[in-house]
Amino acid sequence: QHNTERSFTWQTEVLRSRREVQTLAGGALVSE
C-alpha cells in the first residue's frame, strides 16, 4: 500500500579469505 513511501532493508555478508604469502626471514624466503 505504501511502497513508494516506506521500506526497510537489512543486508549482511561474511567473507573468508586464505592467501599464501612469502616473507623474508634470515636471508631466505619463508612461505605461510
PDB file of all heavy atoms in Angstrom:
ATOM      1  N   GLN A   1       0.812  -1.218   0.000  1.00  0.00           N
ATOM      2  CA  GLN A   1       0.000   0.000   0.000  1.00  0.00           C
ATOM      3  C   GLN A   1       0.848   1.271   0.000  1.00  0.00           C
ATOM      4  O   GLN A   1       0.422   2.301  -0.488  1.00  0.00           O
ATOM      5  CB  GLN A   1      -0.936   0.044   1.235  1.00  0.00           C
ATOM      6  CG  GLN A   1      -1.998  -1.001   1.241  1.00  0.00           C
ATOM      7  CD  GLN A   1      -1.480  -2.328   1.806  1.00  0.00           C
ATOM      8  OE1 GLN A   1      -0.343  -2.442   2.247  1.00  0.00           O
ATOM      9  NE2 GLN A   1      -2.318  -3.344   1.758  1.00  0.00           N
ATOM     10  N   HIS A   2       2.056   1.239   0.570  1.00  0.00           N
ATOM     11  CA  HIS A   2       2.894   2.432   0.708  1.00  0.00           C
ATOM     12  C   HIS A   2       4.289   2.191   0.127  1.00  0.00           C
ATOM     13  O   HIS A   2       5.279   2.679   0.664  1.00  0.00           O
ATOM     14  CB  HIS A   2       3.021   2.819   2.179  1.00  0.00           C
ATOM     15  CG  HIS A   2       1.713   3.022   2.860  1.00  0.00           C
ATOM     16  ND1 HIS A   2       0.950   4.142   2.657  1.00  0.00           N
ATOM     17  CD2 HIS A   2       1.030   2.240   3.731  1.00  0.00           C
ATOM     18  CE1 HIS A   2      -0.156   4.046   3.380  1.00  0.00           C
ATOM     19  NE2 HIS A   2      -0.139   2.900   4.035  1.00  0.00           N
ATOM     20  N   ASN A   3       4.404   1.483  -0.971  1.00  0.00           N
ATOM     21  CA  ASN A   3       5.711   1.059  -1.461  1.00  0.00           C
ATOM     22  C   ASN A   3       6.598   2.196  -1.966  1.00  0.00           C
ATOM     23  O   ASN A   3       7.789   2.015  -2.142  1.00  0.00           O
ATOM     24  CB  ASN A   3       5.578  -0.033  -2.522  1.00  0.00           C
ATOM     25  CG  ASN A   3       4.909   0.459  -3.775  1.00  0.00           C
ATOM     26  OD1 ASN A   3       4.518   1.620  -3.880  1.00  0.00           O
ATOM     27  ND2 ASN A   3       4.748  -0.431  -4.726  1.00  0.00           N
ATOM     28  N   THR A   4       6.069   3.380  -2.213  1.00  0.00           N
ATOM     29  CA  THR A   4       6.926   4.499  -2.600  1.00  0.00           C
ATOM     30  C   THR A   4       7.307   5.356  -1.402  1.00  0.00           C
ATOM     31  O   THR A   4       8.135   6.260  -1.537  1.00  0.00           O
ATOM     32  CB  THR A   4       6.230   5.399  -3.646  1.00  0.00           C
ATOM     33  OG1 THR A   4       5.035   5.936  -3.078  1.00  0.00           O
ATOM     34  CG2 THR A   4       5.913   4.622  -4.910  1.00  0.00           C
ATOM     35  N   GLU A   5       6.730   5.078  -0.234  1.00  0.00           N
ATOM     36  CA  GLU A   5       6.970   5.918   0.939  1.00  0.00           C
ATOM     37  C   GLU A   5       7.638   5.191   2.099  1.00  0.00           C
ATOM     38  O   GLU A   5       8.249   5.826   2.946  1.00  0.00           O
ATOM     39  CB  GLU A   5       5.640   6.498   1.430  1.00  0.00           C
ATOM     40  CG  GLU A   5       4.948   7.350   0.396  1.00  0.00           C
ATOM     41  CD  GLU A   5       3.521   7.680   0.791  1.00  0.00           C
ATOM     42  OE1 GLU A   5       3.096   7.293   1.900  1.00  0.00           O
ATOM     43  OE2 GLU A   5       2.835   8.329  -0.004  1.00  0.00           O
ATOM     44  N   ARG A   6       7.520   3.894   2.169  1.00  0.00           N
ATOM     45  CA  ARG A   6       8.065   3.144   3.293  1.00  0.00           C
ATOM     46  C   ARG A   6       8.806   1.911   2.782  1.00  0.00           C
ATOM     47  O   ARG A   6       8.335   1.211   1.888  1.00  0.00           O
ATOM     48  CB  ARG A   6       6.948   2.660   4.231  1.00  0.00           C
ATOM     49  CG  ARG A   6       6.070   3.739   4.776  1.00  0.00           C
ATOM     50  CD  ARG A   6       6.676   4.318   6.037  1.00  0.00           C
ATOM     51  NE  ARG A   6       5.768   5.247   6.673  1.00  0.00           N
ATOM     52  CZ  ARG A   6       5.823   6.565   6.513  1.00  0.00           C
ATOM     53  NH1 ARG A   6       6.720   7.098   5.738  1.00  0.00           N
ATOM     54  NH2 ARG A   6       4.979   7.343   7.150  1.00  0.00           N
ATOM     55  N   SER A   7       9.952   1.643   3.404  1.00  0.00           N
ATOM     56  CA  SER A   7      10.671   0.408   3.104  1.00  0.00           C
ATOM     57  C   SER A   7      11.737   0.188   4.176  1.00  0.00           C
ATOM     58  O   SER A   7      12.104   1.106   4.908  1.00  0.00           O
ATOM     59  CB  SER A   7      11.322   0.451   1.714  1.00  0.00           C
ATOM     60  OG  SER A   7      12.376   1.386   1.680  1.00  0.00           O
ATOM     61  N   PHE A   8      12.234  -1.042   4.234  1.00  0.00           N
ATOM     62  CA  PHE A   8      13.296  -1.396   5.159  1.00  0.00           C
ATOM     63  C   PHE A   8      14.129  -2.484   4.503  1.00  0.00           C
ATOM     64  O   PHE A   8      13.586  -3.433   3.935  1.00  0.00           O
ATOM     65  CB  PHE A   8      12.718  -1.896   6.487  1.00  0.00           C
ATOM     66  CG  PHE A   8      13.766  -2.245   7.493  1.00  0.00           C
ATOM     67  CD1 PHE A   8      14.344  -1.264   8.275  1.00  0.00           C
ATOM     68  CD2 PHE A   8      14.184  -3.556   7.655  1.00  0.00           C
ATOM     69  CE1 PHE A   8      15.323  -1.580   9.209  1.00  0.00           C
ATOM     70  CE2 PHE A   8      15.161  -3.882   8.582  1.00  0.00           C
ATOM     71  CZ  PHE A   8      15.728  -2.896   9.358  1.00  0.00           C
ATOM     72  N   THR A   9      15.454  -2.353   4.578  1.00  0.00           N
ATOM     73  CA  THR A   9      16.372  -3.342   4.015  1.00  0.00           C
ATOM     74  C   THR A   9      17.439  -3.666   5.041  1.00  0.00           C
ATOM     75  O   THR A   9      17.965  -2.770   5.695  1.00  0.00           O
ATOM     76  CB  THR A   9      17.055  -2.803   2.736  1.00  0.00           C
ATOM     77  OG1 THR A   9      16.050  -2.450   1.789  1.00  0.00           O
ATOM     78  CG2 THR A   9      17.983  -3.832   2.128  1.00  0.00           C
ATOM     79  N   TRP A  10      17.758  -4.958   5.166  1.00  0.00           N
ATOM     80  CA  TRP A  10      18.849  -5.393   6.030  1.00  0.00           C
ATOM     81  C   TRP A  10      19.713  -6.353   5.222  1.00  0.00           C
ATOM     82  O   TRP A  10      19.248  -7.387   4.757  1.00  0.00           O
ATOM     83  CB  TRP A  10      18.306  -6.077   7.269  1.00  0.00           C
ATOM     84  CG  TRP A  10      19.357  -6.579   8.221  1.00  0.00           C
ATOM     85  CD1 TRP A  10      20.695  -6.271   8.227  1.00  0.00           C
ATOM     86  CD2 TRP A  10      19.165  -7.483   9.297  1.00  0.00           C
ATOM     87  NE1 TRP A  10      21.333  -6.913   9.248  1.00  0.00           N
ATOM     88  CE2 TRP A  10      20.408  -7.665   9.929  1.00  0.00           C
ATOM     89  CE3 TRP A  10      18.056  -8.137   9.796  1.00  0.00           C
ATOM     90  CZ2 TRP A  10      20.575  -8.492  11.029  1.00  0.00           C
ATOM     91  CZ3 TRP A  10      18.222  -8.959  10.892  1.00  0.00           C
ATOM     92  CH2 TRP A  10      19.469  -9.134  11.500  1.00  0.00           C
ATOM     93  N   GLN A  11      20.993  -5.985   5.037  1.00  0.00           N
ATOM     94  CA  GLN A  11      21.943  -6.807   4.295  1.00  0.00           C
ATOM     95  C   GLN A  11      23.076  -7.216   5.225  1.00  0.00           C
ATOM     96  O   GLN A  11      23.571  -6.390   5.994  1.00  0.00           O
ATOM     97  CB  GLN A  11      22.598  -6.019   3.159  1.00  0.00           C
ATOM     98  CG  GLN A  11      21.739  -5.743   1.982  1.00  0.00           C
ATOM     99  CD  GLN A  11      22.535  -4.966   0.950  1.00  0.00           C
ATOM    100  OE1 GLN A  11      22.864  -3.809   1.172  1.00  0.00           O
ATOM    101  NE2 GLN A  11      22.847  -5.597  -0.150  1.00  0.00           N
ATOM    102  N   THR A  12      23.516  -8.452   5.123  1.00  0.00           N
ATOM    103  CA  THR A  12      24.667  -8.934   5.874  1.00  0.00           C
ATOM    104  C   THR A  12      25.481  -9.853   4.967  1.00  0.00           C
ATOM    105  O   THR A  12      24.919 -10.667   4.244  1.00  0.00           O
ATOM    106  CB  THR A  12      24.233  -9.693   7.147  1.00  0.00           C
ATOM    107  OG1 THR A  12      23.507  -8.785   7.979  1.00  0.00           O
ATOM    108  CG2 THR A  12      25.418 -10.228   7.909  1.00  0.00           C
ATOM    109  N   GLU A  13      26.795  -9.683   5.020  1.00  0.00           N
ATOM    110  CA  GLU A  13      27.685 -10.529   4.232  1.00  0.00           C
ATOM    111  C   GLU A  13      28.909 -10.874   5.061  1.00  0.00           C
ATOM    112  O   GLU A  13      29.435 -10.033   5.785  1.00  0.00           O
ATOM    113  CB  GLU A  13      28.117  -9.821   2.951  1.00  0.00           C
ATOM    114  CG  GLU A  13      28.974 -10.689   2.061  1.00  0.00           C
ATOM    115  CD  GLU A  13      29.245 -10.075   0.699  1.00  0.00           C
ATOM    116  OE1 GLU A  13      28.940  -8.887   0.498  1.00  0.00           O
ATOM    117  OE2 GLU A  13      29.776 -10.797  -0.164  1.00  0.00           O
ATOM    118  N   VAL A  14      29.356 -12.134   4.965  1.00  0.00           N
ATOM    119  CA  VAL A  14      30.552 -12.609   5.648  1.00  0.00           C
ATOM    120  C   VAL A  14      31.485 -13.189   4.586  1.00  0.00           C
ATOM    121  O   VAL A  14      31.045 -13.948   3.711  1.00  0.00           O
ATOM    122  CB  VAL A  14      30.199 -13.693   6.695  1.00  0.00           C
ATOM    123  CG1 VAL A  14      31.453 -14.245   7.338  1.00  0.00           C
ATOM    124  CG2 VAL A  14      29.263 -13.131   7.745  1.00  0.00           C
ATOM    125  N   LEU A  15      32.769 -12.817   4.668  1.00  0.00           N
ATOM    126  CA  LEU A  15      33.777 -13.306   3.726  1.00  0.00           C
ATOM    127  C   LEU A  15      34.944 -13.931   4.487  1.00  0.00           C
ATOM    128  O   LEU A  15      35.339 -13.430   5.546  1.00  0.00           O
ATOM    129  CB  LEU A  15      34.315 -12.160   2.861  1.00  0.00           C
ATOM    130  CG  LEU A  15      33.321 -11.487   1.945  1.00  0.00           C
ATOM    131  CD1 LEU A  15      33.909 -10.197   1.397  1.00  0.00           C
ATOM    132  CD2 LEU A  15      32.946 -12.419   0.821  1.00  0.00           C
ATOM    133  N   ARG A  16      35.500 -14.981   3.921  1.00  0.00           N
ATOM    134  CA  ARG A  16      36.698 -15.608   4.478  1.00  0.00           C
ATOM    135  C   ARG A  16      37.712 -15.744   3.365  1.00  0.00           C
ATOM    136  O   ARG A  16      37.381 -16.215   2.275  1.00  0.00           O
ATOM    137  CB  ARG A  16      36.364 -16.980   5.042  1.00  0.00           C
ATOM    138  CG  ARG A  16      37.554 -17.638   5.715  1.00  0.00           C
ATOM    139  CD  ARG A  16      37.171 -18.997   6.274  1.00  0.00           C
ATOM    140  NE  ARG A  16      38.168 -19.557   7.142  1.00  0.00           N
ATOM    141  CZ  ARG A  16      39.343 -20.028   6.764  1.00  0.00           C
ATOM    142  NH1 ARG A  16      39.707 -19.957   5.507  1.00  0.00           N
ATOM    143  NH2 ARG A  16      40.181 -20.554   7.631  1.00  0.00           N
ATOM    144  N   SER A  17      38.941 -15.328   3.643  1.00  0.00           N
ATOM    145  CA  SER A  17      39.987 -15.454   2.630  1.00  0.00           C
ATOM    146  C   SER A  17      41.145 -16.280   3.173  1.00  0.00           C
ATOM    147  O   SER A  17      41.402 -16.306   4.377  1.00  0.00           O
ATOM    148  CB  SER A  17      40.500 -14.074   2.189  1.00  0.00           C
ATOM    149  OG  SER A  17      41.336 -13.516   3.168  1.00  0.00           O
ATOM    150  N   ARG A  18      41.799 -16.962   2.281  1.00  0.00           N
ATOM    151  CA  ARG A  18      43.017 -17.702   2.596  1.00  0.00           C
ATOM    152  C   ARG A  18      44.010 -17.382   1.492  1.00  0.00           C
ATOM    153  O   ARG A  18      43.707 -17.541   0.314  1.00  0.00           O
ATOM    154  CB  ARG A  18      42.777 -19.203   2.673  1.00  0.00           C
ATOM    155  CG  ARG A  18      44.066 -19.964   2.940  1.00  0.00           C
ATOM    156  CD  ARG A  18      43.854 -21.423   3.251  1.00  0.00           C
ATOM    157  NE  ARG A  18      43.209 -21.711   4.505  1.00  0.00           N
ATOM    158  CZ  ARG A  18      43.747 -21.541   5.720  1.00  0.00           C
ATOM    159  NH1 ARG A  18      44.924 -21.008   5.834  1.00  0.00           N
ATOM    160  NH2 ARG A  18      43.093 -21.891   6.800  1.00  0.00           N
ATOM    161  N   ARG A  19      45.177 -16.910   1.916  1.00  0.00           N
ATOM    162  CA  ARG A  19      46.171 -16.439   0.951  1.00  0.00           C
ATOM    163  C   ARG A  19      47.543 -16.947   1.338  1.00  0.00           C
ATOM    164  O   ARG A  19      47.928 -16.888   2.500  1.00  0.00           O
ATOM    165  CB  ARG A  19      46.157 -14.915   0.954  1.00  0.00           C
ATOM    166  CG  ARG A  19      47.118 -14.295   0.014  1.00  0.00           C
ATOM    167  CD  ARG A  19      46.952 -12.788   0.032  1.00  0.00           C
ATOM    168  NE  ARG A  19      47.951 -12.207  -0.823  1.00  0.00           N
ATOM    169  CZ  ARG A  19      48.510 -11.039  -0.640  1.00  0.00           C
ATOM    170  NH1 ARG A  19      48.164 -10.292   0.362  1.00  0.00           N
ATOM    171  NH2 ARG A  19      49.414 -10.600  -1.470  1.00  0.00           N
ATOM    172  N   GLU A  20      48.264 -17.459   0.372  1.00  0.00           N
ATOM    173  CA  GLU A  20      49.659 -17.849   0.586  1.00  0.00           C
ATOM    174  C   GLU A  20      50.523 -16.600   0.391  1.00  0.00           C
ATOM    175  O   GLU A  20      50.344 -15.864  -0.581  1.00  0.00           O
ATOM    176  CB  GLU A  20      50.079 -18.935  -0.407  1.00  0.00           C
ATOM    177  CG  GLU A  20      49.317 -20.231  -0.276  1.00  0.00           C
ATOM    178  CD  GLU A  20      49.552 -20.939   1.047  1.00  0.00           C
ATOM    179  OE1 GLU A  20      50.686 -20.913   1.560  1.00  0.00           O
ATOM    180  OE2 GLU A  20      48.573 -21.497   1.584  1.00  0.00           O
ATOM    181  N   VAL A  21      51.429 -16.363   1.326  1.00  0.00           N
ATOM    182  CA  VAL A  21      52.334 -15.222   1.239  1.00  0.00           C
ATOM    183  C   VAL A  21      53.756 -15.697   1.513  1.00  0.00           C
ATOM    184  O   VAL A  21      53.972 -16.753   2.104  1.00  0.00           O
ATOM    185  CB  VAL A  21      51.959 -14.101   2.237  1.00  0.00           C
ATOM    186  CG1 VAL A  21      50.592 -13.532   1.916  1.00  0.00           C
ATOM    187  CG2 VAL A  21      52.020 -14.584   3.662  1.00  0.00           C
ATOM    188  N   GLN A  22      54.693 -14.891   1.077  1.00  0.00           N
ATOM    189  CA  GLN A  22      56.095 -15.148   1.366  1.00  0.00           C
ATOM    190  C   GLN A  22      56.650 -13.964   2.146  1.00  0.00           C
ATOM    191  O   GLN A  22      56.295 -12.813   1.878  1.00  0.00           O
ATOM    192  CB  GLN A  22      56.898 -15.337   0.081  1.00  0.00           C
ATOM    193  CG  GLN A  22      56.579 -16.629  -0.628  1.00  0.00           C
ATOM    194  CD  GLN A  22      57.408 -16.798  -1.896  1.00  0.00           C
ATOM    195  OE1 GLN A  22      57.537 -15.869  -2.675  1.00  0.00           O
ATOM    196  NE2 GLN A  22      57.957 -17.993  -2.079  1.00  0.00           N
ATOM    197  N   THR A  23      57.507 -14.269   3.107  1.00  0.00           N
ATOM    198  CA  THR A  23      58.180 -13.236   3.879  1.00  0.00           C
ATOM    199  C   THR A  23      59.674 -13.526   3.874  1.00  0.00           C
ATOM    200  O   THR A  23      60.107 -14.650   3.591  1.00  0.00           O
ATOM    201  CB  THR A  23      57.668 -13.197   5.336  1.00  0.00           C
ATOM    202  OG1 THR A  23      57.831 -14.481   5.923  1.00  0.00           O
ATOM    203  CG2 THR A  23      56.207 -12.793   5.380  1.00  0.00           C
ATOM    204  N   LEU A  24      60.447 -12.512   4.196  1.00  0.00           N
ATOM    205  CA  LEU A  24      61.899 -12.643   4.263  1.00  0.00           C
ATOM    206  C   LEU A  24      62.286 -12.870   5.713  1.00  0.00           C
ATOM    207  O   LEU A  24      61.955 -12.073   6.591  1.00  0.00           O
ATOM    208  CB  LEU A  24      62.558 -11.366   3.727  1.00  0.00           C
ATOM    209  CG  LEU A  24      64.068 -11.382   3.590  1.00  0.00           C
ATOM    210  CD1 LEU A  24      64.505 -12.477   2.617  1.00  0.00           C
ATOM    211  CD2 LEU A  24      64.569 -10.034   3.141  1.00  0.00           C
ATOM    212  N   ALA A  25      62.964 -13.994   5.976  1.00  0.00           N
ATOM    213  CA  ALA A  25      63.402 -14.314   7.335  1.00  0.00           C
ATOM    214  C   ALA A  25      64.796 -14.911   7.273  1.00  0.00           C
ATOM    215  O   ALA A  25      65.002 -15.947   6.635  1.00  0.00           O
ATOM    216  CB  ALA A  25      62.442 -15.296   7.999  1.00  0.00           C
ATOM    217  N   GLY A  26      65.754 -14.236   7.878  1.00  0.00           N
ATOM    218  CA  GLY A  26      67.123 -14.760   7.920  1.00  0.00           C
ATOM    219  C   GLY A  26      67.754 -14.892   6.549  1.00  0.00           C
ATOM    220  O   GLY A  26      68.531 -15.813   6.320  1.00  0.00           O
ATOM    221  N   GLY A  27      67.414 -14.032   5.626  1.00  0.00           N
ATOM    222  CA  GLY A  27      68.005 -14.079   4.289  1.00  0.00           C
ATOM    223  C   GLY A  27      67.382 -15.110   3.363  1.00  0.00           C
ATOM    224  O   GLY A  27      67.895 -15.359   2.277  1.00  0.00           O
ATOM    225  N   ALA A  28      66.281 -15.732   3.779  1.00  0.00           N
ATOM    226  CA  ALA A  28      65.600 -16.736   2.951  1.00  0.00           C
ATOM    227  C   ALA A  28      64.108 -16.406   2.890  1.00  0.00           C
ATOM    228  O   ALA A  28      63.562 -15.744   3.776  1.00  0.00           O
ATOM    229  CB  ALA A  28      65.813 -18.126   3.518  1.00  0.00           C
ATOM    230  N   LEU A  29      63.473 -16.883   1.845  1.00  0.00           N
ATOM    231  CA  LEU A  29      62.026 -16.701   1.702  1.00  0.00           C
ATOM    232  C   LEU A  29      61.298 -17.805   2.447  1.00  0.00           C
ATOM    233  O   LEU A  29      61.626 -18.984   2.318  1.00  0.00           O
ATOM    234  CB  LEU A  29      61.624 -16.724   0.227  1.00  0.00           C
ATOM    235  CG  LEU A  29      62.062 -15.531  -0.603  1.00  0.00           C
ATOM    236  CD1 LEU A  29      61.756 -15.759  -2.071  1.00  0.00           C
ATOM    237  CD2 LEU A  29      61.378 -14.269  -0.115  1.00  0.00           C
ATOM    238  N   VAL A  30      60.312 -17.416   3.231  1.00  0.00           N
ATOM    239  CA  VAL A  30      59.507 -18.360   4.002  1.00  0.00           C
ATOM    240  C   VAL A  30      58.062 -18.218   3.541  1.00  0.00           C
ATOM    241  O   VAL A  30      57.529 -17.109   3.476  1.00  0.00           O
ATOM    242  CB  VAL A  30      59.621 -18.058   5.521  1.00  0.00           C
ATOM    243  CG1 VAL A  30      58.737 -18.995   6.316  1.00  0.00           C
ATOM    244  CG2 VAL A  30      61.061 -18.144   5.971  1.00  0.00           C
ATOM    245  N   SER A  31      57.421 -19.342   3.216  1.00  0.00           N
ATOM    246  CA  SER A  31      56.020 -19.328   2.789  1.00  0.00           C
ATOM    247  C   SER A  31      55.117 -19.640   3.973  1.00  0.00           C
ATOM    248  O   SER A  31      55.441 -20.486   4.814  1.00  0.00           O
ATOM    249  CB  SER A  31      55.780 -20.360   1.694  1.00  0.00           C
ATOM    250  OG  SER A  31      56.485 -20.007   0.535  1.00  0.00           O
ATOM    251  N   GLU A  32      53.983 -18.951   4.031  1.00  0.00           N
ATOM    252  CA  GLU A  32      52.987 -19.226   5.055  1.00  0.00           C
ATOM    253  C   GLU A  32      51.611 -18.925   4.497  1.00  0.00           C
ATOM    254  O   GLU A  32      51.470 -18.227   3.500  1.00  0.00           O
ATOM    255  CB  GLU A  32      53.267 -18.417   6.324  1.00  0.00           C
ATOM    256  CG  GLU A  32      53.179 -16.925   6.139  1.00  0.00           C
ATOM    257  CD  GLU A  32      53.468 -16.166   7.424  1.00  0.00           C
ATOM    258  OE1 GLU A  32      52.894 -16.532   8.471  1.00  0.00           O
ATOM    259  OE2 GLU A  32      54.246 -15.218   7.369  1.00  0.00           O
TER     260      GLU A  32
END
